[in-house]
């Protein structure tokens, strides 16, 4: 490429990535008084492609314990899942894994 080592051009600074970006991020669904349990299970099946049994297990965890970790991984994908869950009017948050 032309102009790569020309005098007077600034080089891009090195960027240090935070170690926190490497940590898995968790998608947590919280209980709410509005949505039916069958609806929550249907949303889990649609978004995550889960079996009925797995979706119902997580739905019951939300119902009985108040929350369920439904996914863990990279931040960008986790944010996408939270956004999808919100589009179905479920209460979902993103948390750092410890």
Protein backbone atom coordinates (compact mmCIF):
# COMPACT_ATOMS: atom_id res chain seq x y z
CA UNK A 1 0.00 0.00 0.00
CA UNK A 2 1.22 3.45 -0.76
CA UNK A 3 1.76 5.88 2.06
CA UNK A 4 2.41 3.24 4.70
CA UNK A 5 5.72 4.49 6.08
CA UNK A 6 5.69 8.06 4.88
CA UNK A 7 7.11 10.67 7.24
CA UNK A 8 4.49 12.73 9.01
CA UNK A 9 1.82 10.02 9.05
CA UNK A 10 0.65 8.90 12.46
CA UNK A 11 0.57 5.24 13.29
CA UNK A 12 -2.50 3.79 14.91
CA UNK A 13 -1.97 3.34 18.65
CA UNK A 14 -1.96 -0.17 20.06
CA UNK A 15 -5.19 -0.96 21.80
CA UNK A 16 -5.27 -3.15 24.88
CA UNK A 17 -8.39 -5.24 25.15
CA UNK A 18 -9.85 -5.63 28.61
CA UNK A 19 -9.73 -9.11 30.07
CA UNK A 20 -13.43 -8.68 30.87
CA UNK A 21 -14.24 -9.09 27.18
CA UNK A 22 -12.86 -12.62 27.38
CA UNK A 23 -15.17 -13.62 30.21
CA UNK A 24 -18.34 -15.42 29.27
CA UNK A 25 -21.48 -13.33 29.51
CA UNK A 26 -24.70 -14.80 30.83
CA UNK A 27 -28.21 -14.21 29.57
CA UNK A 28 -30.60 -14.35 32.52
CA UNK A 29 -34.39 -14.45 32.24
CA UNK A 30 -36.28 -13.15 35.27
CA UNK A 31 -39.75 -13.99 36.51
CA UNK A 32 -42.54 -11.53 35.79
CA UNK A 33 -46.21 -11.48 36.75
CA UNK A 34 -47.41 -10.99 33.17
CA UNK A 35 -46.34 -13.80 30.85
CA UNK A 36 -47.89 -17.26 30.93
CA UNK A 37 -45.51 -20.15 31.58
CA UNK A 38 -46.48 -21.78 28.28
CA UNK A 39 -45.62 -18.55 26.45
CA UNK A 40 -42.18 -18.35 28.11
CA UNK A 41 -41.42 -21.96 27.11
CA UNK A 42 -42.54 -21.23 23.54
CA UNK A 43 -40.21 -18.20 23.37
CA UNK A 44 -37.27 -20.30 24.60
CA UNK A 45 -37.98 -22.91 21.94
CA UNK A 46 -38.24 -20.29 19.21
CA UNK A 47 -35.13 -18.28 20.14
CA UNK A 48 -32.79 -21.07 21.25
CA UNK A 49 -34.20 -24.00 19.25
CA UNK A 50 -34.59 -26.06 22.40
CA UNK A 51 -36.64 -29.18 22.90
CA UNK A 52 -39.94 -28.83 24.74
CA UNK A 53 -38.41 -30.52 27.81
CA UNK A 54 -35.45 -28.17 28.02
CA UNK A 55 -37.60 -25.08 27.46
CA UNK A 56 -40.03 -26.19 30.17
CA UNK A 57 -37.19 -26.94 32.60
CA UNK A 58 -35.82 -23.40 32.22
CA UNK A 59 -39.32 -21.92 32.37
CA UNK A 60 -39.95 -23.74 35.67
CA UNK A 61 -36.63 -22.48 37.02
CA UNK A 62 -37.71 -18.92 36.18
CA UNK A 63 -41.08 -19.56 37.85
CA UNK A 64 -39.79 -21.23 41.03
CA UNK A 65 -36.41 -19.55 41.57
CA UNK A 66 -37.17 -16.18 39.99
CA UNK A 67 -34.48 -16.47 37.31
CA UNK A 68 -32.72 -18.84 34.95
CA UNK A 69 -29.43 -18.60 33.09
CA UNK A 70 -30.47 -19.49 29.57
CA UNK A 71 -27.24 -18.89 27.67
CA UNK A 72 -23.55 -18.11 28.18
CA UNK A 73 -20.86 -16.97 25.77
CA UNK A 74 -19.54 -13.93 23.93
CA UNK A 75 -20.92 -10.50 24.75
CA UNK A 76 -22.15 -9.63 21.26
CA UNK A 77 -24.23 -12.82 20.94
CA UNK A 78 -25.47 -12.44 24.53
CA UNK A 79 -26.65 -8.90 23.77
CA UNK A 80 -28.44 -10.22 20.70
CA UNK A 81 -30.27 -12.87 22.75
CA UNK A 82 -31.30 -10.31 25.37
CA UNK A 83 -32.65 -8.10 22.61
CA UNK A 84 -34.60 -11.02 21.11
CA UNK A 85 -36.05 -11.93 24.51
CA UNK A 86 -37.09 -8.31 25.04
CA UNK A 87 -38.83 -8.32 21.64
CA UNK A 88 -41.07 -11.09 23.07
CA UNK A 89 -41.61 -8.94 26.19
CA UNK A 90 -39.62 -11.19 28.52
CA UNK A 91 -37.53 -9.63 31.28
CA UNK A 92 -33.92 -10.56 30.47
CA UNK A 93 -30.55 -9.18 31.54
CA UNK A 94 -26.90 -9.58 30.65
CA UNK A 95 -24.44 -10.46 33.42
CA UNK A 96 -20.71 -11.10 33.58
CA UNK A 97 -19.79 -14.61 34.49
CA UNK A 98 -17.62 -14.82 37.59
